[in-house]
């Protein structure tokens, strides 16, 4: 698997975006992310939950984009998608 160093950031983004849905949160995504954090990183999602408390979906998406741009090649991916 290429670019495995991006996995934690990508899972964090998915988990936090799902948390931002509040009443529409997908339980399956929640459980799979929690499982992945535990199995792959030996960590849990408690700090992510705390970081998302009382934030709007827009605030969470802003932070998610920030970590995705800083720790992955997501910005380049988006730039390519918008030029196609």
Protein backbone atom coordinates (compact mmCIF):
# COMPACT_ATOMS: atom_id res chain seq x y z
CA UNK A 1 0.00 0.00 0.00
CA UNK A 2 1.41 3.38 -0.97
CA UNK A 3 1.35 6.46 1.24
CA UNK A 4 0.32 4.65 4.40
CA UNK A 5 1.58 7.62 6.38
CA UNK A 6 -1.62 9.42 5.35
CA UNK A 7 -3.98 6.81 6.84
CA UNK A 8 -4.33 8.39 10.28
CA UNK A 9 -5.10 11.81 8.84
CA UNK A 10 -7.65 10.40 6.39
CA UNK A 11 -9.38 8.33 9.09
CA UNK A 12 -9.41 11.36 11.37
CA UNK A 13 -11.07 13.41 8.64
CA UNK A 14 -13.70 10.76 7.95
CA UNK A 15 -14.45 10.29 11.64
CA UNK A 16 -14.75 14.02 12.36
CA UNK A 17 -16.92 14.68 9.31
CA UNK A 18 -19.21 11.89 10.46
CA UNK A 19 -19.33 13.44 13.95
CA UNK A 20 -20.34 16.75 12.41
CA UNK A 21 -23.51 15.16 11.06
CA UNK A 22 -24.90 14.94 14.63
CA UNK A 23 -28.42 13.57 14.09
CA UNK A 24 -27.47 11.89 10.78
CA UNK A 25 -24.23 10.30 12.03
CA UNK A 26 -23.57 6.94 10.40
CA UNK A 27 -23.12 4.34 13.13
CA UNK A 28 -21.24 1.95 10.81
CA UNK A 29 -18.66 4.59 9.82
CA UNK A 30 -18.29 5.44 13.50
CA UNK A 31 -17.62 1.84 14.49
CA UNK A 32 -15.24 1.11 11.60
CA UNK A 33 -13.18 4.21 12.37
CA UNK A 34 -13.04 3.37 16.07
CA UNK A 35 -11.94 -0.16 15.20
CA UNK A 36 -9.28 1.12 12.78
CA UNK A 37 -7.85 3.57 15.30
CA UNK A 38 -7.61 0.81 17.88
CA UNK A 39 -6.17 -1.88 15.59
CA UNK A 40 -3.85 0.21 13.43
CA UNK A 41 -2.67 2.89 15.86
CA UNK A 42 -3.42 1.44 19.30
CA UNK A 43 -5.41 4.58 20.04
CA UNK A 44 -9.00 5.56 20.64
CA UNK A 45 -11.19 8.36 19.33
CA UNK A 46 -11.89 10.13 22.64
CA UNK A 47 -9.69 13.16 21.86
CA UNK A 48 -11.31 13.53 18.44
CA UNK A 49 -14.74 13.52 20.04
CA UNK A 50 -13.64 16.18 22.53
CA UNK A 51 -12.19 18.26 19.70
CA UNK A 52 -15.51 18.24 17.87
CA UNK A 53 -17.82 19.06 20.78
CA UNK A 54 -19.86 22.24 20.28
CA UNK A 55 -18.50 22.83 16.78
CA UNK A 56 -20.62 23.32 13.72
CA UNK A 57 -20.20 21.22 10.62
CA UNK A 58 -18.56 24.20 8.89
CA UNK A 59 -16.01 24.60 11.69
CA UNK A 60 -15.17 20.91 11.64
CA UNK A 61 -14.82 20.89 7.84
CA UNK A 62 -12.48 23.89 8.03
CA UNK A 63 -10.25 22.05 10.50
CA UNK A 64 -10.45 18.80 8.55
CA UNK A 65 -9.35 20.56 5.37
CA UNK A 66 -6.48 22.13 7.30
CA UNK A 67 -5.14 18.80 8.52
CA UNK A 68 -5.73 17.15 5.15
CA UNK A 69 -3.84 19.92 3.34
CA UNK A 70 -1.00 19.86 5.88
CA UNK A 71 -0.51 16.08 6.14
CA UNK A 72 -1.58 14.62 2.79
CA UNK A 73 -1.58 15.36 -0.93
CA UNK A 74 -5.33 16.05 -0.79
CA UNK A 75 -4.99 19.66 -1.99
CA UNK A 76 -3.18 18.52 -5.13
CA UNK A 77 -5.90 15.89 -5.67
CA UNK A 78 -8.64 18.53 -5.37
CA UNK A 79 -6.75 20.88 -7.68
CA UNK A 80 -6.50 18.14 -10.31
CA UNK A 81 -10.20 17.32 -9.97
CA UNK A 82 -11.21 20.95 -10.48
CA UNK A 83 -9.07 21.35 -13.61
CA UNK A 84 -10.50 18.27 -15.33
